[in-house]
Amino acid sequence: MDLVTLAFWMFALAAVASAVGVISVKNPVHAALSLVLTFFSVACVWLIAGAEFLGVALILVYVGAVMVLFLFVVMMLDIDVAPLREGYVRYLPVGLLVAVVMLAEILILIGVKVQMATPLAADAAELEGVSNTVWIARALFTTYLLPFEVAAVILTVAVIAAVMLTLRRREGAKHQNPGDQARVRAADRVRMVKMDAVRPEPAPRNDAGDAPAGEAR
């Protein structure tokens, strides 16, 4: 087994192990760190396979945008994050472990790319005489258009499901009904009351000019 194949299996096993950690751990912070390691390990596999564009896009887009979306969904689900904000030091071991594994993968990837003359398989983009980005675009929107659309539908359903989970009734939470707000009339909110202006008469005083009993001068 050469170094390229060994590195491939190492990255693949790291991706599978971290993916299992995403769905098995109970702490959302640990799940987020495991998801970062999963994306990074898969990106390393793609870089070895010669798909540099996919690997860089996975790191830039998914590790950045998807992780923000993950934390946004956690906040939408009304999870009590107050205990999570306390004592971030206890998350340091998991964070350091993820950082060390990512650093080791970077070093292994650099060594593999230096010694590797060709990727694991023949580069389809070079065989067609186009760039990697052009080849991916052609394959994605022609040969694999149906799986691409199915993935888009699945992601849309996931977003709608996350929003529906936030609509459950909870005690102490205020809700708005846009339909009732649109049907409201001015007469339902404002009530005009007509009152006669009456000027109070001053209390009578005695001949000595003293104020009546119970009234201070």
C-alpha atoms as a PDB file:
ATOM      1  CA  MET A   1       0.000   0.000   0.000  1.00  0.00           C
ATOM      2  CA  ASP A   2       1.531   3.298  -1.086  1.00  0.00           C
ATOM      3  CA  LEU A   3       1.351   6.617   0.757  1.00  0.00           C
ATOM      4  CA  VAL A   4      -1.520   7.954  -1.370  1.00  0.00           C
ATOM      5  CA  THR A   5      -3.793   5.019  -0.637  1.00  0.00           C
ATOM      6  CA  LEU A   6      -2.846   5.064   3.037  1.00  0.00           C
ATOM      7  CA  ALA A   7      -3.634   8.773   3.290  1.00  0.00           C
ATOM      8  CA  PHE A   8      -6.956   8.207   1.524  1.00  0.00           C
ATOM      9  CA  TRP A   9      -8.010   5.574   4.052  1.00  0.00           C
ATOM     10  CA  MET A  10      -6.880   7.760   6.963  1.00  0.00           C
ATOM     11  CA  PHE A  11      -8.936  10.720   5.742  1.00  0.00           C
ATOM     12  CA  ALA A  12     -11.923   8.494   4.988  1.00  0.00           C
ATOM     13  CA  LEU A  13     -11.869   6.883   8.436  1.00  0.00           C
ATOM     14  CA  ALA A  14     -11.527  10.304  10.088  1.00  0.00           C
ATOM     15  CA  ALA A  15     -14.525  11.565   8.101  1.00  0.00           C
ATOM     16  CA  VAL A  16     -16.669   8.561   9.035  1.00  0.00           C
ATOM     17  CA  ALA A  17     -15.696   8.705  12.722  1.00  0.00           C
ATOM     18  CA  SER A  18     -16.389  12.431  12.998  1.00  0.00           C
ATOM     19  CA  ALA A  19     -19.690  12.032  11.120  1.00  0.00           C
ATOM     20  CA  VAL A  20     -20.771   9.406  13.638  1.00  0.00           C
ATOM     21  CA  GLY A  21     -19.815  11.843  16.384  1.00  0.00           C
ATOM     22  CA  VAL A  22     -22.085  14.509  14.889  1.00  0.00           C
ATOM     23  CA  ILE A  23     -25.187  12.355  15.319  1.00  0.00           C
ATOM     24  CA  SER A  24     -24.164  10.599  18.540  1.00  0.00           C
ATOM     25  CA  VAL A  25     -22.964  13.319  20.896  1.00  0.00           C
ATOM     26  CA  LYS A  26     -25.540  15.228  22.950  1.00  0.00           C
ATOM     27  CA  ASN A  27     -23.674  18.502  23.248  1.00  0.00           C
ATOM     28  CA  PRO A  28     -24.356  20.871  20.295  1.00  0.00           C
ATOM     29  CA  VAL A  29     -20.871  22.404  20.585  1.00  0.00           C
ATOM     30  CA  HIS A  30     -19.191  19.003  20.328  1.00  0.00           C
ATOM     31  CA  ALA A  31     -21.455  18.152  17.381  1.00  0.00           C
ATOM     32  CA  ALA A  32     -20.429  21.365  15.623  1.00  0.00           C
ATOM     33  CA  LEU A  33     -16.734  20.610  16.119  1.00  0.00           C
ATOM     34  CA  SER A  34     -17.236  17.082  14.815  1.00  0.00           C
ATOM     35  CA  LEU A  35     -19.011  18.473  11.766  1.00  0.00           C
ATOM     36  CA  VAL A  36     -16.072  20.786  11.054  1.00  0.00           C
ATOM     37  CA  LEU A  37     -13.713  17.814  11.175  1.00  0.00           C
ATOM     38  CA  THR A  38     -16.027  15.832   8.873  1.00  0.00           C
ATOM     39  CA  PHE A  39     -16.066  18.556   6.233  1.00  0.00           C
ATOM     40  CA  PHE A  40     -12.319  19.032   6.448  1.00  0.00           C
ATOM     41  CA  SER A  41     -11.575  15.312   6.123  1.00  0.00           C
ATOM     42  CA  VAL A  42     -13.844  14.984   3.084  1.00  0.00           C
ATOM     43  CA  ALA A  43     -12.155  18.032   1.543  1.00  0.00           C
ATOM     44  CA  CYS A  44      -8.789  16.323   1.974  1.00  0.00           C
ATOM     45  CA  VAL A  45     -10.112  13.243   0.166  1.00  0.00           C
ATOM     46  CA  TRP A  46     -11.286  15.388  -2.733  1.00  0.00           C
ATOM     47  CA  LEU A  47      -7.934  17.149  -2.924  1.00  0.00           C
ATOM     48  CA  ILE A  48      -6.175  13.797  -3.206  1.00  0.00           C
ATOM     49  CA  ALA A  49      -8.621  12.728  -5.914  1.00  0.00           C
ATOM     50  CA  GLY A  50      -7.758  15.808  -7.957  1.00  0.00           C
ATOM     51  CA  ALA A  51     -10.992  17.747  -7.324  1.00  0.00           C
ATOM     52  CA  GLU A  52      -9.331  20.875  -5.957  1.00  0.00           C
ATOM     53  CA  PHE A  53     -12.337  23.087  -6.642  1.00  0.00           C
ATOM     54  CA  LEU A  54     -14.695  20.870  -4.649  1.00  0.00           C
ATOM     55  CA  GLY A  55     -12.259  20.612  -1.759  1.00  0.00           C
ATOM     56  CA  VAL A  56     -11.717  24.359  -1.474  1.00  0.00           C
ATOM     57  CA  ALA A  57     -15.455  25.049  -1.913  1.00  0.00           C
ATOM     58  CA  LEU A  58     -16.272  22.563   0.840  1.00  0.00           C
ATOM     59  CA  ILE A  59     -13.960  24.307   3.284  1.00  0.00           C
ATOM     60  CA  LEU A  60     -14.936  27.858   2.367  1.00  0.00           C
ATOM     61  CA  VAL A  61     -18.688  27.347   1.973  1.00  0.00           C
ATOM     62  CA  TYR A  62     -19.677  24.471   4.220  1.00  0.00           C
ATOM     63  CA  VAL A  63     -17.293  24.964   7.125  1.00  0.00           C
ATOM     64  CA  GLY A  64     -18.219  28.658   7.154  1.00  0.00           C
ATOM     65  CA  ALA A  65     -21.828  29.036   6.004  1.00  0.00           C
ATOM     66  CA  VAL A  66     -23.242  25.676   7.051  1.00  0.00           C
ATOM     67  CA  MET A  67     -21.796  25.948  10.533  1.00  0.00           C
ATOM     68  CA  VAL A  68     -23.433  29.373  10.934  1.00  0.00           C
ATOM     69  CA  LEU A  69     -26.692  27.844   9.713  1.00  0.00           C
ATOM     70  CA  PHE A  70     -26.320  24.991  12.202  1.00  0.00           C
ATOM     71  CA  LEU A  71     -25.922  27.396  15.115  1.00  0.00           C
ATOM     72  CA  PHE A  72     -28.835  29.473  13.786  1.00  0.00           C
ATOM     73  CA  VAL A  73     -31.104  26.412  13.809  1.00  0.00           C
ATOM     74  CA  VAL A  74     -29.981  25.610  17.357  1.00  0.00           C
ATOM     75  CA  MET A  75     -31.079  29.088  18.431  1.00  0.00           C
ATOM     76  CA  MET A  76     -34.374  28.760  16.523  1.00  0.00           C
ATOM     77  CA  LEU A  77     -35.205  25.503  18.283  1.00  0.00           C
ATOM     78  CA  ASP A  78     -35.189  27.387  21.584  1.00  0.00           C
ATOM     79  CA  ILE A  79     -32.564  25.169  23.185  1.00  0.00           C
ATOM     80  CA  ASP A  80     -31.404  26.377  26.572  1.00  0.00           C
ATOM     81  CA  VAL A  81     -27.934  27.581  25.622  1.00  0.00           C
ATOM     82  CA  ALA A  82     -27.257  29.353  28.901  1.00  0.00           C
ATOM     83  CA  PRO A  83     -25.399  26.350  30.363  1.00  0.00           C
ATOM     84  CA  LEU A  84     -23.473  26.049  27.082  1.00  0.00           C
ATOM     85  CA  ARG A  85     -22.174  29.591  27.419  1.00  0.00           C
ATOM     86  CA  GLU A  86     -20.777  28.913  30.869  1.00  0.00           C
ATOM     87  CA  GLY A  87     -17.343  27.394  31.173  1.00  0.00           C
ATOM     88  CA  TYR A  88     -16.059  27.266  27.630  1.00  0.00           C
ATOM     89  CA  VAL A  89     -12.859  25.835  29.074  1.00  0.00           C
ATOM     90  CA  ARG A  90     -14.456  22.398  29.269  1.00  0.00           C
ATOM     91  CA  TYR A  91     -14.786  22.414  25.469  1.00  0.00           C
ATOM     92  CA  LEU A  92     -11.062  23.064  25.090  1.00  0.00           C
ATOM     93  CA  PRO A  93      -9.996  19.370  24.987  1.00  0.00           C
ATOM     94  CA  VAL A  94     -12.402  18.568  22.145  1.00  0.00           C
ATOM     95  CA  GLY A  95     -11.392  21.724  20.290  1.00  0.00           C
ATOM     96  CA  LEU A  96      -7.708  20.937  20.665  1.00  0.00           C
ATOM     97  CA  LEU A  97      -8.280  17.367  19.491  1.00  0.00           C
ATOM     98  CA  VAL A  98     -10.072  18.593  16.367  1.00  0.00           C
ATOM     99  CA  ALA A  99      -7.325  21.168  15.724  1.00  0.00           C
ATOM    100  CA  VAL A 100      -4.553  18.575  16.113  1.00  0.00           C
ATOM    101  CA  VAL A 101      -6.285  16.136  13.753  1.00  0.00           C
ATOM    102  CA  MET A 102      -6.804  18.877  11.163  1.00  0.00           C
ATOM    103  CA  LEU A 103      -3.156  19.931  11.433  1.00  0.00           C
ATOM    104  CA  ALA A 104      -2.034  16.320  10.983  1.00  0.00           C
ATOM    105  CA  GLU A 105      -4.287  15.984   7.933  1.00  0.00           C
ATOM    106  CA  ILE A 106      -2.820  19.156   6.427  1.00  0.00           C
ATOM    107  CA  LEU A 107       0.741  17.876   6.888  1.00  0.00           C
ATOM    108  CA  ILE A 108      -0.125  14.472   5.466  1.00  0.00           C
ATOM    109  CA  LEU A 109      -1.878  16.110   2.526  1.00  0.00           C
ATOM    110  CA  ILE A 110       1.141  18.289   1.781  1.00  0.00           C
ATOM    111  CA  GLY A 111       3.425  15.246   1.834  1.00  0.00           C
ATOM    112  CA  VAL A 112       1.079  13.276  -0.385  1.00  0.00           C
ATOM    113  CA  LYS A 113       0.722  16.070  -2.943  1.00  0.00           C
ATOM    114  CA  VAL A 114       4.498  16.446  -3.111  1.00  0.00           C
ATOM    115  CA  GLN A 115       5.116  12.749  -3.818  1.00  0.00           C
ATOM    116  CA  MET A 116       2.018  12.135  -5.903  1.00  0.00           C
ATOM    117  CA  ALA A 117       2.527  12.593  -9.623  1.00  0.00           C
ATOM    118  CA  THR A 118      -1.079  11.817 -10.515  1.00  0.00           C
ATOM    119  CA  PRO A 119      -4.260  11.618  -8.425  1.00  0.00           C
ATOM    120  CA  LEU A 120      -6.000   8.375  -7.475  1.00  0.00           C
ATOM    121  CA  ALA A 121      -7.769   8.263 -10.832  1.00  0.00           C
ATOM    122  CA  ALA A 122      -7.391   9.915 -14.198  1.00  0.00           C
ATOM    123  CA  ASP A 123      -8.437  13.554 -14.152  1.00  0.00           C
ATOM    124  CA  ALA A 124     -11.577  13.765 -16.261  1.00  0.00           C
ATOM    125  CA  ALA A 125     -11.194  17.517 -16.689  1.00  0.00           C
ATOM    126  CA  GLU A 126      -7.730  17.150 -18.184  1.00  0.00           C
ATOM    127  CA  LEU A 127      -8.922  14.375 -20.469  1.00  0.00           C
ATOM    128  CA  GLU A 128     -11.596  16.686 -21.884  1.00  0.00           C
ATOM    129  CA  GLY A 129      -9.196  19.613 -22.097  1.00  0.00           C
ATOM    130  CA  VAL A 130     -11.200  21.940 -19.817  1.00  0.00           C
ATOM    131  CA  SER A 131     -10.713  23.337 -16.352  1.00  0.00           C
ATOM    132  CA  ASN A 132     -11.939  21.580 -13.234  1.00  0.00           C
ATOM    133  CA  THR A 133     -14.686  24.153 -12.651  1.00  0.00           C
ATOM    134  CA  VAL A 134     -16.053  23.880 -16.208  1.00  0.00           C
ATOM    135  CA  TRP A 135     -16.087  20.095 -16.036  1.00  0.00           C
ATOM    136  CA  ILE A 136     -17.954  20.115 -12.720  1.00  0.00           C
ATOM    137  CA  ALA A 137     -20.538  22.571 -14.046  1.00  0.00           C
ATOM    138  CA  ARG A 138     -21.167  20.481 -17.163  1.00  0.00           C
ATOM    139  CA  ALA A 139     -21.460  17.237 -15.211  1.00  0.00           C
ATOM    140  CA  LEU A 140     -23.637  18.780 -12.506  1.00  0.00           C
ATOM    141  CA  PHE A 141     -26.202  20.401 -14.785  1.00  0.00           C
ATOM    142  CA  THR A 142     -26.335  17.700 -17.457  1.00  0.00           C
ATOM    143  CA  THR A 143     -25.531  14.165 -16.308  1.00  0.00           C
ATOM    144  CA  TYR A 144     -26.327  14.629 -12.612  1.00  0.00           C
ATOM    145  CA  LEU A 145     -29.103  17.217 -12.897  1.00  0.00           C
ATOM    146  CA  LEU A 146     -31.749  14.983 -11.286  1.00  0.00           C
ATOM    147  CA  PRO A 147     -29.678  14.160  -8.144  1.00  0.00           C
ATOM    148  CA  PHE A 148     -28.792  17.842  -7.887  1.00  0.00           C
ATOM    149  CA  GLU A 149     -32.464  18.850  -7.929  1.00  0.00           C
ATOM    150  CA  VAL A 150     -33.366  16.088  -5.454  1.00  0.00           C
ATOM    151  CA  ALA A 151     -30.688  17.368  -3.066  1.00  0.00           C
ATOM    152  CA  ALA A 152     -32.091  20.888  -3.427  1.00  0.00           C
ATOM    153  CA  VAL A 153     -35.593  19.643  -2.561  1.00  0.00           C
ATOM    154  CA  ILE A 154     -34.276  17.766   0.480  1.00  0.00           C
ATOM    155  CA  LEU A 155     -32.492  20.872   1.745  1.00  0.00           C
ATOM    156  CA  THR A 156     -35.642  22.954   1.213  1.00  0.00           C
ATOM    157  CA  VAL A 157     -37.732  20.446   3.162  1.00  0.00           C
ATOM    158  CA  ALA A 158     -35.144  20.510   5.957  1.00  0.00           C
ATOM    159  CA  VAL A 159     -35.349  24.300   6.194  1.00  0.00           C
ATOM    160  CA  ILE A 160     -39.170  24.204   6.258  1.00  0.00           C
ATOM    161  CA  ALA A 161     -39.097  21.484   8.932  1.00  0.00           C
ATOM    162  CA  ALA A 162     -36.761  23.585  11.092  1.00  0.00           C
ATOM    163  CA  VAL A 163     -39.117  26.560  10.803  1.00  0.00           C
ATOM    164  CA  MET A 164     -42.148  24.395  11.633  1.00  0.00           C
ATOM    165  CA  LEU A 165     -40.414  23.138  14.769  1.00  0.00           C
ATOM    166  CA  THR A 166     -40.186  26.721  16.011  1.00  0.00           C
ATOM    167  CA  LEU A 167     -43.934  27.281  15.578  1.00  0.00           C
ATOM    168  CA  ARG A 168     -44.940  24.992  18.410  1.00  0.00           C
ATOM    169  CA  ARG A 169     -46.864  26.657  21.206  1.00  0.00           C
ATOM    170  CA  ARG A 170     -44.895  27.388  24.334  1.00  0.00           C
ATOM    171  CA  GLU A 171     -46.036  28.975  27.552  1.00  0.00           C
ATOM    172  CA  GLY A 172     -44.962  32.552  27.978  1.00  0.00           C
ATOM    173  CA  ALA A 173     -44.164  33.045  24.292  1.00  0.00           C
ATOM    174  CA  LYS A 174     -45.932  35.759  22.277  1.00  0.00           C
ATOM    175  CA  HIS A 175     -47.246  34.852  18.836  1.00  0.00           C
ATOM    176  CA  GLN A 176     -48.620  36.932  15.997  1.00  0.00           C
ATOM    177  CA  ASN A 177     -51.296  36.027  13.484  1.00  0.00           C
ATOM    178  CA  PRO A 178     -50.712  37.947  10.230  1.00  0.00           C
ATOM    179  CA  GLY A 179     -54.240  37.142   9.039  1.00  0.00           C
ATOM    180  CA  ASP A 180     -55.836  38.724  12.092  1.00  0.00           C
ATOM    181  CA  GLN A 181     -53.525  41.714  11.777  1.00  0.00           C
ATOM    182  CA  ALA A 182     -54.511  42.230   8.135  1.00  0.00           C
ATOM    183  CA  ARG A 183     -58.268  41.988   8.899  1.00  0.00           C
ATOM    184  CA  VAL A 184     -58.205  44.451  11.780  1.00  0.00           C
ATOM    185  CA  ARG A 185     -60.293  47.645  11.466  1.00  0.00           C
ATOM    186  CA  ALA A 186     -59.743  51.039  12.951  1.00  0.00           C
ATOM    187  CA  ALA A 187     -63.001  50.732  14.888  1.00  0.00           C
ATOM    188  CA  ASP A 188     -61.660  47.607  16.595  1.00  0.00           C
ATOM    189  CA  ARG A 189     -58.604  49.414  17.921  1.00  0.00           C
ATOM    190  CA  VAL A 190     -59.761  52.968  18.560  1.00  0.00           C
ATOM    191  CA  ARG A 191     -62.915  53.922  20.458  1.00  0.00           C
ATOM    192  CA  MET A 192     -64.001  57.545  20.360  1.00  0.00           C
ATOM    193  CA  VAL A 193     -65.508  58.778  23.615  1.00  0.00           C
ATOM    194  CA  LYS A 194     -67.377  62.113  23.730  1.00  0.00           C
ATOM    195  CA  MET A 195     -67.252  63.890  27.063  1.00  0.00           C
ATOM    196  CA  ASP A 196     -68.582  67.324  28.030  1.00  0.00           C
ATOM    197  CA  ALA A 197     -66.020  69.761  29.260  1.00  0.00           C
ATOM    198  CA  VAL A 198     -67.028  70.713  32.809  1.00  0.00           C
ATOM    199  CA  ARG A 199     -65.178  73.318  34.770  1.00  0.00           C
ATOM    200  CA  PRO A 200     -65.249  72.550  38.482  1.00  0.00           C
ATOM    201  CA  GLU A 201     -66.618  75.401  40.639  1.00  0.00           C
ATOM    202  CA  PRO A 202     -64.441  76.638  43.513  1.00  0.00           C
ATOM    203  CA  ALA A 203     -65.501  75.747  47.041  1.00  0.00           C
ATOM    204  CA  PRO A 204     -67.307  78.577  48.893  1.00  0.00           C
ATOM    205  CA  ARG A 205     -65.437  80.470  51.575  1.00  0.00           C
ATOM    206  CA  ASN A 206     -66.812  81.987  54.770  1.00  0.00           C
ATOM    207  CA  ASP A 207     -66.842  85.730  55.597  1.00  0.00           C
ATOM    208  CA  ALA A 208     -63.550  85.537  57.463  1.00  0.00           C
ATOM    209  CA  GLY A 209     -61.824  84.269  54.333  1.00  0.00           C
ATOM    210  CA  ASP A 210     -60.962  80.983  55.944  1.00  0.00           C
ATOM    211  CA  ALA A 211     -60.927  77.855  53.856  1.00  0.00           C
ATOM    212  CA  PRO A 212     -63.654  75.353  54.593  1.00  0.00           C
ATOM    213  CA  ALA A 213     -62.974  72.448  56.858  1.00  0.00           C
ATOM    214  CA  GLY A 214     -60.739  69.815  55.345  1.00  0.00           C
ATOM    215  CA  GLU A 215     -59.127  72.257  52.813  1.00  0.00           C
ATOM    216  CA  ALA A 216     -55.618  73.563  53.390  1.00  0.00           C
ATOM    217  CA  ARG A 217     -54.749  77.191  52.688  1.00  0.00           C
END
